[in-house]
N, C-alpha and C. Protein backbone atom coordinates (compact mmCIF):
# COMPACT_ATOMS: atom_id res chain seq x y z
N MET A 1 40.14 10.13 24.06
CA MET A 1 39.17 9.08 24.23
C MET A 1 37.81 9.74 24.43
N GLU A 2 36.81 9.24 23.66
CA GLU A 2 35.45 9.77 23.75
C GLU A 2 34.77 9.21 25.00
N ARG A 3 34.16 10.13 25.72
CA ARG A 3 33.48 9.70 26.97
C ARG A 3 31.99 9.50 26.67
N ILE A 4 31.49 8.29 26.85
CA ILE A 4 30.07 8.02 26.70
C ILE A 4 29.58 7.31 27.95
N GLU A 5 28.33 7.51 28.25
CA GLU A 5 27.77 6.86 29.42
C GLU A 5 27.32 5.46 29.06
N THR A 6 27.90 4.48 29.73
CA THR A 6 27.51 3.09 29.51
C THR A 6 27.40 2.39 30.84
N ILE A 7 26.79 1.25 30.80
CA ILE A 7 26.74 0.37 31.98
C ILE A 7 27.55 -0.86 31.63
N ASN A 8 28.57 -1.13 32.40
CA ASN A 8 29.34 -2.35 32.22
C ASN A 8 28.67 -3.42 33.04
N LEU A 9 28.34 -4.51 32.39
CA LEU A 9 27.61 -5.55 33.08
C LEU A 9 28.37 -6.15 34.24
N LYS A 10 29.70 -6.09 34.21
CA LYS A 10 30.49 -6.70 35.26
C LYS A 10 30.69 -5.76 36.43
N THR A 11 30.97 -4.49 36.16
CA THR A 11 31.35 -3.56 37.25
C THR A 11 30.29 -2.52 37.53
N GLU A 12 29.31 -2.38 36.65
CA GLU A 12 28.25 -1.37 36.79
C GLU A 12 28.82 0.04 36.96
N THR A 13 29.85 0.35 36.21
CA THR A 13 30.40 1.71 36.23
C THR A 13 30.11 2.39 34.92
N ASP A 14 30.21 3.69 34.90
CA ASP A 14 30.03 4.41 33.64
C ASP A 14 31.37 4.99 33.18
N ALA A 15 31.33 5.77 32.14
CA ALA A 15 32.52 6.42 31.58
C ALA A 15 33.52 5.42 31.03
N LEU A 16 33.05 4.40 30.36
CA LEU A 16 33.94 3.43 29.76
C LEU A 16 34.21 3.82 28.31
N GLU A 17 35.15 3.15 27.70
CA GLU A 17 35.43 3.41 26.30
C GLU A 17 34.27 2.93 25.43
N ALA A 18 34.17 3.55 24.25
CA ALA A 18 33.13 3.14 23.31
C ALA A 18 33.29 1.66 22.99
N GLY A 19 32.18 0.97 22.97
CA GLY A 19 32.21 -0.44 22.64
C GLY A 19 32.21 -1.36 23.84
N HIS A 20 32.31 -0.79 25.03
CA HIS A 20 32.28 -1.61 26.26
C HIS A 20 30.94 -1.40 26.94
N GLY A 21 30.33 -2.49 27.37
CA GLY A 21 29.08 -2.40 28.12
C GLY A 21 27.90 -2.07 27.23
N ILE A 22 26.82 -1.64 27.85
CA ILE A 22 25.59 -1.31 27.16
C ILE A 22 25.34 0.18 27.36
N THR A 23 25.03 0.90 26.31
CA THR A 23 24.73 2.32 26.46
C THR A 23 23.38 2.47 27.09
N TYR A 24 23.17 3.63 27.72
CA TYR A 24 21.88 3.88 28.33
C TYR A 24 20.77 3.90 27.27
N ASP A 25 21.09 4.38 26.07
CA ASP A 25 20.10 4.37 25.00
C ASP A 25 19.69 2.95 24.63
N GLU A 26 20.67 2.04 24.55
CA GLU A 26 20.33 0.65 24.25
C GLU A 26 19.49 0.04 25.36
N LEU A 27 19.85 0.36 26.59
CA LEU A 27 19.09 -0.18 27.73
C LEU A 27 17.67 0.37 27.73
N ARG A 28 17.54 1.67 27.45
CA ARG A 28 16.24 2.29 27.40
C ARG A 28 15.40 1.70 26.27
N GLY A 29 16.01 1.43 25.12
CA GLY A 29 15.32 0.81 23.98
C GLY A 29 14.81 -0.57 24.33
N ALA A 30 15.65 -1.37 25.00
CA ALA A 30 15.25 -2.72 25.40
C ALA A 30 14.13 -2.64 26.41
N ASP A 31 14.18 -1.68 27.29
CA ASP A 31 13.13 -1.49 28.30
C ASP A 31 11.81 -1.10 27.62
N MET A 32 11.89 -0.24 26.63
CA MET A 32 10.69 0.17 25.90
C MET A 32 10.04 -1.02 25.20
N LEU A 33 10.88 -1.88 24.58
CA LEU A 33 10.34 -3.08 23.92
C LEU A 33 9.69 -4.00 24.94
N ALA A 34 10.32 -4.20 26.07
CA ALA A 34 9.75 -5.07 27.10
C ALA A 34 8.42 -4.51 27.60
N ASN A 35 8.36 -3.18 27.80
CA ASN A 35 7.13 -2.57 28.27
C ASN A 35 6.01 -2.69 27.22
N ALA A 36 6.38 -2.51 25.95
CA ALA A 36 5.38 -2.63 24.87
C ALA A 36 4.83 -4.03 24.83
N ARG A 37 5.70 -5.04 24.99
CA ARG A 37 5.21 -6.42 25.00
C ARG A 37 4.28 -6.67 26.18
N LYS A 38 4.64 -6.15 27.35
CA LYS A 38 3.78 -6.32 28.53
C LYS A 38 2.40 -5.68 28.31
N ARG A 39 2.41 -4.46 27.73
CA ARG A 39 1.14 -3.80 27.46
C ARG A 39 0.29 -4.61 26.50
N LEU A 40 0.91 -5.12 25.42
CA LEU A 40 0.19 -5.93 24.44
C LEU A 40 -0.39 -7.19 25.09
N GLU A 41 0.43 -7.86 25.90
CA GLU A 41 -0.05 -9.06 26.58
C GLU A 41 -1.21 -8.73 27.53
N ASN A 42 -1.10 -7.62 28.24
CA ASN A 42 -2.17 -7.23 29.14
C ASN A 42 -3.46 -6.88 28.41
N GLU A 43 -3.32 -6.31 27.21
CA GLU A 43 -4.51 -6.01 26.42
C GLU A 43 -5.14 -7.27 25.86
N MET A 44 -4.33 -8.27 25.57
CA MET A 44 -4.83 -9.51 24.97
C MET A 44 -5.51 -10.42 25.99
N ARG A 45 -5.00 -10.48 27.19
CA ARG A 45 -5.51 -11.42 28.20
C ARG A 45 -6.99 -11.25 28.52
N PRO A 46 -7.51 -10.02 28.69
CA PRO A 46 -8.94 -9.89 29.00
C PRO A 46 -9.84 -10.46 27.90
N ARG A 47 -9.33 -10.55 26.70
CA ARG A 47 -10.11 -11.10 25.61
C ARG A 47 -9.91 -12.61 25.46
N GLY A 48 -9.18 -13.21 26.41
CA GLY A 48 -9.00 -14.65 26.38
C GLY A 48 -7.88 -15.10 25.46
N ILE A 49 -6.98 -14.22 25.10
CA ILE A 49 -5.90 -14.56 24.20
C ILE A 49 -4.62 -14.69 24.99
N GLU A 50 -4.03 -15.85 25.01
CA GLU A 50 -2.75 -16.07 25.67
C GLU A 50 -1.67 -16.01 24.60
N PRO A 51 -0.81 -14.98 24.62
CA PRO A 51 0.15 -14.80 23.53
C PRO A 51 1.13 -15.94 23.33
N ASP A 52 1.44 -16.68 24.35
CA ASP A 52 2.40 -17.77 24.19
C ASP A 52 1.74 -19.14 24.26
N GLY A 53 0.41 -19.16 24.26
CA GLY A 53 -0.29 -20.42 24.46
C GLY A 53 -0.94 -20.97 23.20
N GLU A 54 -1.87 -21.88 23.44
CA GLU A 54 -2.57 -22.55 22.36
C GLU A 54 -3.39 -21.58 21.55
N GLN A 55 -3.92 -20.54 22.17
CA GLN A 55 -4.71 -19.54 21.45
C GLN A 55 -3.88 -18.84 20.38
N ALA A 56 -2.61 -18.60 20.67
CA ALA A 56 -1.75 -17.96 19.68
C ALA A 56 -1.64 -18.80 18.43
N VAL A 57 -1.57 -20.11 18.58
CA VAL A 57 -1.50 -21.00 17.42
C VAL A 57 -2.80 -20.92 16.63
N LYS A 58 -3.92 -20.91 17.36
CA LYS A 58 -5.23 -20.79 16.67
C LYS A 58 -5.36 -19.46 15.94
N ASP A 59 -4.89 -18.38 16.59
CA ASP A 59 -4.95 -17.07 15.96
C ASP A 59 -4.10 -17.02 14.71
N ALA A 60 -2.92 -17.61 14.76
CA ALA A 60 -2.04 -17.61 13.61
C ALA A 60 -2.68 -18.38 12.46
N GLU A 61 -3.32 -19.50 12.77
CA GLU A 61 -4.01 -20.27 11.72
C GLU A 61 -5.18 -19.49 11.12
N THR A 62 -5.91 -18.77 11.97
CA THR A 62 -7.02 -17.96 11.49
C THR A 62 -6.52 -16.86 10.55
N VAL A 63 -5.43 -16.20 10.94
CA VAL A 63 -4.86 -15.14 10.11
C VAL A 63 -4.36 -15.72 8.79
N ARG A 64 -3.69 -16.87 8.85
CA ARG A 64 -3.19 -17.51 7.62
C ARG A 64 -4.35 -17.87 6.70
N GLN A 65 -5.40 -18.45 7.26
CA GLN A 65 -6.56 -18.85 6.45
C GLN A 65 -7.25 -17.62 5.86
N ALA A 66 -7.34 -16.55 6.64
CA ALA A 66 -7.94 -15.32 6.12
C ALA A 66 -7.14 -14.78 4.95
N GLY A 67 -5.82 -14.87 5.04
CA GLY A 67 -4.98 -14.44 3.93
C GLY A 67 -5.21 -15.29 2.70
N LEU A 68 -5.36 -16.59 2.88
CA LEU A 68 -5.62 -17.47 1.74
C LEU A 68 -7.00 -17.19 1.15
N ASN A 69 -7.98 -16.96 2.01
CA ASN A 69 -9.34 -16.68 1.52
C ASN A 69 -9.38 -15.36 0.75
N ALA A 70 -8.57 -14.41 1.18
CA ALA A 70 -8.55 -13.12 0.48
C ALA A 70 -7.96 -13.26 -0.94
N ILE A 71 -7.07 -14.22 -1.10
CA ILE A 71 -6.42 -14.44 -2.39
C ILE A 71 -7.34 -15.20 -3.34
N THR A 72 -8.06 -16.21 -2.82
CA THR A 72 -8.88 -17.08 -3.64
C THR A 72 -10.32 -16.61 -3.59
N PRO A 73 -10.85 -16.08 -4.69
CA PRO A 73 -12.24 -15.62 -4.66
C PRO A 73 -13.20 -16.80 -4.54
N SER A 74 -14.29 -16.59 -3.84
CA SER A 74 -15.30 -17.64 -3.69
C SER A 74 -16.16 -17.70 -4.95
N PHE A 75 -16.95 -18.75 -5.05
CA PHE A 75 -17.90 -18.88 -6.16
C PHE A 75 -18.84 -17.70 -6.19
N PHE A 76 -19.29 -17.28 -5.02
CA PHE A 76 -20.25 -16.18 -4.93
C PHE A 76 -19.62 -14.87 -5.36
N GLU A 77 -18.36 -14.65 -5.00
CA GLU A 77 -17.66 -13.43 -5.45
C GLU A 77 -17.54 -13.42 -6.97
N LEU A 78 -17.19 -14.56 -7.54
CA LEU A 78 -17.09 -14.65 -9.00
C LEU A 78 -18.43 -14.41 -9.66
N PHE A 79 -19.48 -14.98 -9.08
CA PHE A 79 -20.83 -14.80 -9.60
C PHE A 79 -21.25 -13.33 -9.54
N GLU A 80 -21.00 -12.70 -8.40
CA GLU A 80 -21.33 -11.27 -8.25
C GLU A 80 -20.55 -10.44 -9.26
N ASP A 81 -19.29 -10.73 -9.46
CA ASP A 81 -18.51 -9.99 -10.46
C ASP A 81 -19.10 -10.15 -11.84
N TYR A 82 -19.51 -11.38 -12.16
CA TYR A 82 -20.11 -11.66 -13.47
C TYR A 82 -21.40 -10.85 -13.65
N ILE A 83 -22.27 -10.87 -12.64
CA ILE A 83 -23.54 -10.14 -12.69
C ILE A 83 -23.26 -8.65 -12.86
N THR A 84 -22.32 -8.12 -12.11
CA THR A 84 -22.01 -6.68 -12.18
C THR A 84 -21.49 -6.31 -13.57
N GLU A 85 -20.57 -7.10 -14.09
CA GLU A 85 -20.02 -6.80 -15.43
C GLU A 85 -21.09 -6.88 -16.51
N GLU A 86 -21.94 -7.94 -16.44
CA GLU A 86 -22.99 -8.09 -17.44
C GLU A 86 -24.00 -6.97 -17.34
N ASP A 87 -24.36 -6.56 -16.12
CA ASP A 87 -25.30 -5.47 -15.94
C ASP A 87 -24.74 -4.17 -16.50
N SER A 88 -23.46 -3.92 -16.29
CA SER A 88 -22.84 -2.73 -16.87
C SER A 88 -22.86 -2.76 -18.38
N GLN A 89 -22.59 -3.92 -18.95
CA GLN A 89 -22.62 -4.05 -20.42
C GLN A 89 -24.03 -3.86 -20.96
N LEU A 90 -25.03 -4.45 -20.28
CA LEU A 90 -26.41 -4.28 -20.72
C LEU A 90 -26.85 -2.83 -20.63
N ALA A 91 -26.44 -2.14 -19.56
CA ALA A 91 -26.76 -0.72 -19.41
C ALA A 91 -26.11 0.09 -20.52
N ALA A 92 -24.87 -0.23 -20.86
CA ALA A 92 -24.16 0.47 -21.94
C ALA A 92 -24.84 0.21 -23.29
N ASP A 93 -25.45 -0.95 -23.43
CA ASP A 93 -26.16 -1.28 -24.67
C ASP A 93 -27.56 -0.70 -24.72
N GLY A 94 -27.97 0.01 -23.67
CA GLY A 94 -29.25 0.69 -23.66
C GLY A 94 -30.40 -0.16 -23.12
N VAL A 95 -30.13 -1.28 -22.51
CA VAL A 95 -31.18 -2.10 -21.93
C VAL A 95 -31.72 -1.40 -20.69
N GLU A 96 -33.03 -1.32 -20.58
CA GLU A 96 -33.65 -0.60 -19.46
C GLU A 96 -33.46 -1.34 -18.14
N LEU A 97 -33.55 -0.56 -17.06
CA LEU A 97 -33.32 -1.10 -15.72
C LEU A 97 -34.27 -2.23 -15.40
N GLU A 98 -35.53 -2.11 -15.77
CA GLU A 98 -36.50 -3.17 -15.46
C GLU A 98 -36.12 -4.49 -16.10
N ALA A 99 -35.66 -4.45 -17.34
CA ALA A 99 -35.25 -5.68 -18.02
C ALA A 99 -33.97 -6.24 -17.41
N ARG A 100 -33.04 -5.38 -17.03
CA ARG A 100 -31.79 -5.84 -16.38
C ARG A 100 -32.09 -6.46 -15.02
N THR A 101 -33.02 -5.87 -14.29
CA THR A 101 -33.39 -6.40 -12.97
C THR A 101 -34.02 -7.78 -13.13
N ALA A 102 -34.89 -7.94 -14.10
CA ALA A 102 -35.51 -9.24 -14.35
C ALA A 102 -34.45 -10.28 -14.73
N TRP A 103 -33.48 -9.87 -15.54
CA TRP A 103 -32.41 -10.79 -15.95
C TRP A 103 -31.60 -11.21 -14.72
N MET A 104 -31.24 -10.24 -13.85
CA MET A 104 -30.48 -10.55 -12.63
C MET A 104 -31.26 -11.49 -11.74
N HIS A 105 -32.56 -11.22 -11.57
CA HIS A 105 -33.40 -12.07 -10.75
C HIS A 105 -33.39 -13.51 -11.27
N GLU A 106 -33.51 -13.65 -12.56
CA GLU A 106 -33.50 -14.99 -13.17
C GLU A 106 -32.14 -15.67 -13.01
N MET A 107 -31.06 -14.92 -13.10
CA MET A 107 -29.71 -15.49 -12.92
C MET A 107 -29.52 -15.99 -11.48
N TYR A 108 -29.96 -15.20 -10.52
CA TYR A 108 -29.86 -15.62 -9.11
C TYR A 108 -30.71 -16.87 -8.85
N ARG A 109 -31.93 -16.89 -9.41
CA ARG A 109 -32.80 -18.05 -9.24
C ARG A 109 -32.15 -19.30 -9.84
N ALA A 110 -31.57 -19.19 -11.03
CA ALA A 110 -30.90 -20.32 -11.67
C ALA A 110 -29.72 -20.80 -10.83
N MET A 111 -28.95 -19.86 -10.29
CA MET A 111 -27.81 -20.23 -9.46
C MET A 111 -28.27 -20.96 -8.20
N LEU A 112 -29.31 -20.48 -7.54
CA LEU A 112 -29.80 -21.12 -6.33
C LEU A 112 -30.35 -22.51 -6.63
N ASN A 113 -31.06 -22.65 -7.73
CA ASN A 113 -31.57 -23.98 -8.11
C ASN A 113 -30.41 -24.94 -8.39
N THR A 114 -29.36 -24.45 -9.01
CA THR A 114 -28.19 -25.30 -9.27
C THR A 114 -27.55 -25.74 -7.98
N LEU A 115 -27.46 -24.85 -7.00
CA LEU A 115 -26.85 -25.20 -5.72
C LEU A 115 -27.71 -26.19 -4.93
N LYS A 116 -29.03 -26.16 -5.10
CA LYS A 116 -29.91 -27.09 -4.40
C LYS A 116 -29.72 -28.52 -4.90
N GLU A 117 -29.37 -28.65 -6.16
CA GLU A 117 -29.25 -29.99 -6.75
C GLU A 117 -28.02 -30.71 -6.33
C-alpha cells in the first residue's frame, strides 16, 4: 500500500490509502486560490470596484461593449483608412506632398460639412 499524506475530513488523520481524503497538495492549491481571490478583491476595493456587486455587472458590460467596439470599426476609422490608402496611392503615383496635403485637407473639410448637415 502506497503511503501518502492526506487529511481525512472525518477523522483528520494522515497516512490513508490513496483516494481517501484531501491531499496536502490539493489543500495548498485551494488555499492559494482563495488567497489570490482575496488579494484581487483587496486591490479592487480601493478603486471602488465591488467584485460581487453592481459594479461587477457594469464592468462586465463595459468589457463586452469594448469588445464589440473593437470588432466594428467606426465611421472615423474607416475614413482614416481611406485617407491613408489614397495618400499612399497618390504618393506612389508621384503626386507631391503639398498636393496630397491639400487633397486631405479638402477631404476632411467635406466630411465635417457633411456631418454638420
